[in-house]
Amino acid sequence: MRIQGQNLILTFGTAAKAKAALSASGNYMAYHGNQLRFGKLTMNDADLMLMDMDPNDPFDFYLDHYLQQLQAGYTKITANFGLRVFMKDFDKLPNAHAEAKRMRQ
């Protein structure tokens, strides 16, 4: 783990593949290499980026409600079958605050 400018970078394994993600801008989480399971999606040699649709504020990602965030956004496939997921901030979803409050009770 390291801080680079305003970025918090957490790397598992070697940093070689992680460096490719650093060229992206905005708020995002990037996953490269090894196997990743995200919902029903399983990726070998993962190339997945979860990106904030509004880079002007922090990425409000809520793992318990990622499906709602995913449905409110869109995805793109890269030329080498990587996946770019543009997600809406959790606090900008309809009923987000009521749902989060209900989950905490």
N, C-alpha and C. Protein backbone atom coordinates (compact mmCIF):
# COMPACT_ATOMS: atom_id res chain seq x y z
N MET A 1 0.85 -1.16 0.00
CA MET A 1 0.00 0.00 0.00
C MET A 1 0.89 1.23 0.00
N ARG A 2 0.47 2.22 -0.77
CA ARG A 2 1.22 3.47 -0.77
C ARG A 2 0.31 4.63 -1.17
N ILE A 3 0.71 5.82 -0.82
CA ILE A 3 0.00 7.02 -1.23
C ILE A 3 0.85 7.68 -2.29
N GLN A 4 0.21 7.98 -3.42
CA GLN A 4 0.90 8.63 -4.54
C GLN A 4 0.07 9.84 -4.92
N GLY A 5 0.51 11.03 -4.53
CA GLY A 5 -0.28 12.23 -4.75
C GLY A 5 -1.55 12.13 -3.93
N GLN A 6 -2.71 12.23 -4.59
CA GLN A 6 -3.99 12.09 -3.92
C GLN A 6 -4.56 10.68 -4.06
N ASN A 7 -3.75 9.74 -4.54
CA ASN A 7 -4.21 8.37 -4.77
C ASN A 7 -3.73 7.43 -3.67
N LEU A 8 -4.60 6.54 -3.25
CA LEU A 8 -4.26 5.45 -2.35
C LEU A 8 -4.15 4.21 -3.22
N ILE A 9 -2.98 3.59 -3.27
CA ILE A 9 -2.73 2.45 -4.15
C ILE A 9 -2.44 1.23 -3.29
N LEU A 10 -3.28 0.21 -3.46
CA LEU A 10 -3.15 -1.04 -2.73
C LEU A 10 -2.91 -2.14 -3.75
N THR A 11 -1.78 -2.84 -3.65
CA THR A 11 -1.41 -3.85 -4.63
C THR A 11 -1.23 -5.19 -3.93
N PHE A 12 -1.87 -6.22 -4.48
CA PHE A 12 -1.67 -7.59 -4.03
C PHE A 12 -0.84 -8.29 -5.09
N GLY A 13 0.24 -8.94 -4.73
CA GLY A 13 1.10 -9.59 -5.71
C GLY A 13 2.09 -8.58 -6.27
N THR A 14 2.49 -8.77 -7.52
CA THR A 14 3.47 -7.86 -8.14
C THR A 14 2.78 -6.61 -8.65
N ALA A 15 3.52 -5.54 -8.74
CA ALA A 15 2.97 -4.26 -9.16
C ALA A 15 2.99 -4.06 -10.67
N ALA A 16 3.54 -4.98 -11.43
CA ALA A 16 3.70 -4.79 -12.88
C ALA A 16 2.38 -4.48 -13.58
N LYS A 17 1.35 -5.28 -13.35
CA LYS A 17 0.07 -5.05 -14.01
C LYS A 17 -0.68 -3.87 -13.42
N ALA A 18 -0.46 -3.58 -12.16
CA ALA A 18 -1.16 -2.47 -11.51
C ALA A 18 -0.77 -1.13 -12.13
N LYS A 19 0.43 -1.00 -12.64
CA LYS A 19 0.88 0.26 -13.22
C LYS A 19 0.05 0.68 -14.42
N ALA A 20 -0.52 -0.26 -15.16
CA ALA A 20 -1.34 0.07 -16.33
C ALA A 20 -2.57 0.86 -15.92
N ALA A 21 -3.14 0.58 -14.77
CA ALA A 21 -4.35 1.26 -14.33
C ALA A 21 -4.07 2.70 -13.91
N LEU A 22 -2.86 3.02 -13.56
CA LEU A 22 -2.55 4.35 -13.07
C LEU A 22 -2.69 5.42 -14.13
N SER A 23 -2.82 5.04 -15.39
CA SER A 23 -2.99 6.03 -16.44
C SER A 23 -4.43 6.53 -16.52
N ALA A 24 -5.37 5.88 -15.82
CA ALA A 24 -6.76 6.30 -15.81
C ALA A 24 -6.90 7.54 -14.94
N SER A 25 -7.93 8.34 -15.20
CA SER A 25 -8.17 9.51 -14.37
C SER A 25 -9.52 9.37 -13.70
N GLY A 26 -9.78 10.20 -12.72
CA GLY A 26 -11.04 10.15 -12.01
C GLY A 26 -10.97 9.21 -10.83
N ASN A 27 -12.11 8.79 -10.36
CA ASN A 27 -12.22 7.91 -9.21
C ASN A 27 -12.54 6.51 -9.69
N TYR A 28 -11.74 5.54 -9.30
CA TYR A 28 -11.95 4.19 -9.80
C TYR A 28 -11.30 3.16 -8.88
N MET A 29 -11.69 1.92 -9.07
CA MET A 29 -11.02 0.78 -8.46
C MET A 29 -10.65 -0.13 -9.62
N ALA A 30 -9.41 -0.57 -9.68
CA ALA A 30 -8.93 -1.40 -10.79
C ALA A 30 -8.45 -2.74 -10.27
N TYR A 31 -8.79 -3.78 -11.01
CA TYR A 31 -8.40 -5.15 -10.67
C TYR A 31 -7.73 -5.77 -11.88
N HIS A 32 -6.50 -6.22 -11.71
CA HIS A 32 -5.74 -6.79 -12.83
C HIS A 32 -5.06 -8.08 -12.39
N GLY A 33 -5.15 -9.09 -13.25
CA GLY A 33 -4.47 -10.35 -13.01
C GLY A 33 -5.27 -11.28 -12.11
N ASN A 34 -4.83 -12.52 -12.05
CA ASN A 34 -5.42 -13.56 -11.23
C ASN A 34 -6.90 -13.73 -11.55
N GLN A 35 -7.65 -14.36 -10.64
CA GLN A 35 -9.07 -14.63 -10.87
C GLN A 35 -9.91 -13.71 -9.99
N LEU A 36 -11.01 -13.23 -10.55
CA LEU A 36 -11.89 -12.32 -9.84
C LEU A 36 -13.33 -12.77 -10.06
N ARG A 37 -14.10 -12.80 -9.00
CA ARG A 37 -15.52 -13.10 -9.11
C ARG A 37 -16.29 -11.91 -8.60
N PHE A 38 -17.17 -11.40 -9.42
CA PHE A 38 -17.95 -10.20 -9.13
C PHE A 38 -19.38 -10.50 -9.53
N GLY A 39 -20.23 -10.83 -8.55
CA GLY A 39 -21.58 -11.27 -8.89
C GLY A 39 -21.50 -12.60 -9.62
N LYS A 40 -22.12 -12.69 -10.79
CA LYS A 40 -22.06 -13.92 -11.60
C LYS A 40 -20.86 -13.91 -12.55
N LEU A 41 -20.16 -12.80 -12.63
CA LEU A 41 -19.02 -12.68 -13.53
C LEU A 41 -17.78 -13.28 -12.89
N THR A 42 -17.09 -14.16 -13.61
CA THR A 42 -15.79 -14.68 -13.18
C THR A 42 -14.80 -14.35 -14.28
N MET A 43 -13.71 -13.70 -13.92
CA MET A 43 -12.68 -13.33 -14.88
C MET A 43 -11.38 -14.02 -14.50
N ASN A 44 -10.75 -14.66 -15.48
CA ASN A 44 -9.38 -15.16 -15.33
C ASN A 44 -8.47 -14.11 -15.94
N ASP A 45 -7.31 -13.89 -15.34
CA ASP A 45 -6.43 -12.80 -15.75
C ASP A 45 -7.25 -11.51 -15.82
N ALA A 46 -7.84 -11.16 -14.70
CA ALA A 46 -8.81 -10.06 -14.59
C ALA A 46 -8.29 -8.75 -15.15
N ASP A 47 -9.19 -8.02 -15.78
CA ASP A 47 -8.97 -6.66 -16.25
C ASP A 47 -10.31 -5.94 -16.08
N LEU A 48 -10.55 -5.48 -14.86
CA LEU A 48 -11.82 -4.87 -14.50
C LEU A 48 -11.55 -3.53 -13.83
N MET A 49 -12.26 -2.51 -14.28
CA MET A 49 -12.20 -1.21 -13.62
C MET A 49 -13.61 -0.76 -13.29
N LEU A 50 -13.85 -0.44 -12.02
CA LEU A 50 -15.10 0.15 -11.58
C LEU A 50 -14.84 1.65 -11.50
N MET A 51 -15.58 2.40 -12.31
CA MET A 51 -15.29 3.83 -12.45
C MET A 51 -16.49 4.67 -12.02
N ASP A 52 -16.20 5.77 -11.36
CA ASP A 52 -17.21 6.70 -10.90
C ASP A 52 -17.75 7.49 -12.09
N MET A 53 -19.08 7.51 -12.24
CA MET A 53 -19.69 8.28 -13.34
C MET A 53 -19.54 9.78 -13.12
N ASP A 54 -19.30 10.20 -11.89
CA ASP A 54 -19.12 11.62 -11.59
C ASP A 54 -17.76 11.80 -10.91
N PRO A 55 -16.73 12.13 -11.68
CA PRO A 55 -15.39 12.26 -11.10
C PRO A 55 -15.20 13.52 -10.24
N ASN A 56 -16.25 14.35 -10.14
CA ASN A 56 -16.13 15.60 -9.37
C ASN A 56 -16.32 15.42 -7.87
N ASP A 57 -16.68 14.22 -7.45
CA ASP A 57 -16.83 13.94 -6.03
C ASP A 57 -16.26 12.56 -5.75
N PRO A 58 -16.08 12.18 -4.49
CA PRO A 58 -15.54 10.84 -4.18
C PRO A 58 -16.45 9.74 -4.70
N PHE A 59 -15.87 8.61 -5.03
CA PHE A 59 -16.61 7.44 -5.52
C PHE A 59 -17.32 6.81 -4.32
N ASP A 60 -18.63 6.90 -4.29
CA ASP A 60 -19.42 6.34 -3.20
C ASP A 60 -19.85 4.93 -3.60
N PHE A 61 -18.96 3.97 -3.38
CA PHE A 61 -19.21 2.57 -3.72
C PHE A 61 -19.67 1.84 -2.47
N TYR A 62 -20.76 1.11 -2.58
CA TYR A 62 -21.35 0.40 -1.44
C TYR A 62 -21.49 -1.06 -1.86
N LEU A 63 -20.60 -1.92 -1.37
CA LEU A 63 -20.55 -3.31 -1.79
C LEU A 63 -21.89 -4.03 -1.61
N ASP A 64 -22.60 -3.75 -0.53
CA ASP A 64 -23.89 -4.41 -0.30
C ASP A 64 -24.93 -4.04 -1.35
N HIS A 65 -24.71 -2.95 -2.08
CA HIS A 65 -25.68 -2.47 -3.07
C HIS A 65 -25.05 -2.24 -4.44
N TYR A 66 -23.97 -2.98 -4.72
CA TYR A 66 -23.30 -2.75 -6.00
C TYR A 66 -24.21 -3.03 -7.18
N LEU A 67 -25.17 -3.96 -7.04
CA LEU A 67 -26.06 -4.28 -8.15
C LEU A 67 -26.90 -3.06 -8.55
N GLN A 68 -27.42 -2.33 -7.57
CA GLN A 68 -28.19 -1.13 -7.88
C GLN A 68 -27.30 -0.08 -8.56
N GLN A 69 -26.07 0.04 -8.09
CA GLN A 69 -25.15 0.99 -8.70
C GLN A 69 -24.81 0.56 -10.13
N LEU A 70 -24.64 -0.74 -10.33
CA LEU A 70 -24.34 -1.28 -11.64
C LEU A 70 -25.51 -1.05 -12.60
N GLN A 71 -26.73 -1.28 -12.14
CA GLN A 71 -27.91 -1.09 -12.98
C GLN A 71 -28.09 0.37 -13.39
N ALA A 72 -27.67 1.30 -12.54
CA ALA A 72 -27.82 2.72 -12.84
C ALA A 72 -26.72 3.23 -13.77
N GLY A 73 -25.73 2.39 -14.05
CA GLY A 73 -24.61 2.79 -14.89
C GLY A 73 -24.59 2.06 -16.21
N TYR A 74 -23.40 1.86 -16.74
CA TYR A 74 -23.23 1.15 -18.01
C TYR A 74 -21.84 0.53 -18.05
N THR A 75 -21.63 -0.38 -19.00
CA THR A 75 -20.34 -1.05 -19.14
C THR A 75 -19.81 -0.92 -20.56
N LYS A 76 -18.53 -1.07 -20.67
CA LYS A 76 -17.86 -1.10 -21.98
C LYS A 76 -16.83 -2.21 -21.96
N ILE A 77 -16.65 -2.85 -23.09
CA ILE A 77 -15.64 -3.90 -23.25
C ILE A 77 -14.46 -3.31 -24.01
N THR A 78 -13.25 -3.57 -23.53
CA THR A 78 -12.06 -3.08 -24.23
C THR A 78 -11.71 -4.04 -25.38
N ALA A 79 -10.78 -3.63 -26.20
CA ALA A 79 -10.36 -4.44 -27.35
C ALA A 79 -9.77 -5.78 -26.93
N ASN A 80 -9.21 -5.86 -25.72
CA ASN A 80 -8.64 -7.13 -25.25
C ASN A 80 -9.53 -7.79 -24.18
N PHE A 81 -10.84 -7.56 -24.28
CA PHE A 81 -11.87 -8.17 -23.42
C PHE A 81 -11.81 -7.72 -21.96
N GLY A 82 -11.21 -6.59 -21.69
CA GLY A 82 -11.30 -6.01 -20.36
C GLY A 82 -12.68 -5.40 -20.18
N LEU A 83 -13.07 -5.16 -18.96
CA LEU A 83 -14.39 -4.62 -18.68
C LEU A 83 -14.25 -3.31 -17.92
N ARG A 84 -14.91 -2.28 -18.42
CA ARG A 84 -14.95 -0.97 -17.77
C ARG A 84 -16.39 -0.74 -17.33
N VAL A 85 -16.59 -0.59 -16.03
CA VAL A 85 -17.92 -0.45 -15.46
C VAL A 85 -18.04 0.97 -14.91
N PHE A 86 -18.97 1.72 -15.45
CA PHE A 86 -19.22 3.09 -15.01
C PHE A 86 -20.41 3.04 -14.06
N MET A 87 -20.16 3.36 -12.79
CA MET A 87 -21.18 3.19 -11.75
C MET A 87 -21.61 4.54 -11.18
N LYS A 88 -22.89 4.62 -10.87
CA LYS A 88 -23.44 5.81 -10.22
C LYS A 88 -23.13 5.73 -8.73
N ASP A 89 -22.82 6.86 -8.12
CA ASP A 89 -22.56 6.91 -6.69
C ASP A 89 -23.78 6.39 -5.93
N PHE A 90 -23.53 5.64 -4.87
CA PHE A 90 -24.62 5.07 -4.09
C PHE A 90 -25.55 6.16 -3.56
N ASP A 91 -24.97 7.24 -3.03
CA ASP A 91 -25.81 8.27 -2.44
C ASP A 91 -26.62 9.07 -3.46
N LYS A 92 -26.41 8.80 -4.76
CA LYS A 92 -27.19 9.47 -5.80
C LYS A 92 -28.29 8.59 -6.37
N LEU A 93 -28.41 7.37 -5.83
CA LEU A 93 -29.47 6.47 -6.27
C LEU A 93 -30.78 6.84 -5.58
N PRO A 94 -31.92 6.64 -6.25
CA PRO A 94 -33.20 6.86 -5.58
C PRO A 94 -33.31 5.94 -4.35
N ASN A 95 -33.77 6.45 -3.25
CA ASN A 95 -33.97 5.68 -2.02
C ASN A 95 -32.68 5.15 -1.40
N ALA A 96 -31.54 5.65 -1.78
CA ALA A 96 -30.26 5.14 -1.25
C ALA A 96 -30.16 5.35 0.25
N HIS A 97 -30.52 6.51 0.73
CA HIS A 97 -30.37 6.80 2.15
C HIS A 97 -31.32 5.95 2.99
N ALA A 98 -32.54 5.76 2.53
CA ALA A 98 -33.50 4.93 3.26
C ALA A 98 -33.03 3.48 3.31
N GLU A 99 -32.49 2.99 2.21
CA GLU A 99 -32.00 1.61 2.14
C GLU A 99 -30.80 1.42 3.06
N ALA A 100 -29.86 2.36 3.06
CA ALA A 100 -28.68 2.26 3.92
C ALA A 100 -29.09 2.29 5.39
N LYS A 101 -30.05 3.14 5.72
CA LYS A 101 -30.52 3.21 7.10
C LYS A 101 -31.16 1.89 7.52
N ARG A 102 -31.97 1.30 6.63
CA ARG A 102 -32.62 0.03 6.92
C ARG A 102 -31.57 -1.07 7.13
N MET A 103 -30.49 -1.07 6.35
CA MET A 103 -29.44 -2.09 6.47
C MET A 103 -28.68 -1.97 7.80
N ARG A 104 -28.57 -0.77 8.34
CA ARG A 104 -27.83 -0.57 9.60
C ARG A 104 -28.65 -1.00 10.82
N GLN A 105 -29.95 -1.13 10.68
CA GLN A 105 -30.81 -1.48 11.82
C GLN A 105 -30.79 -2.95 12.11
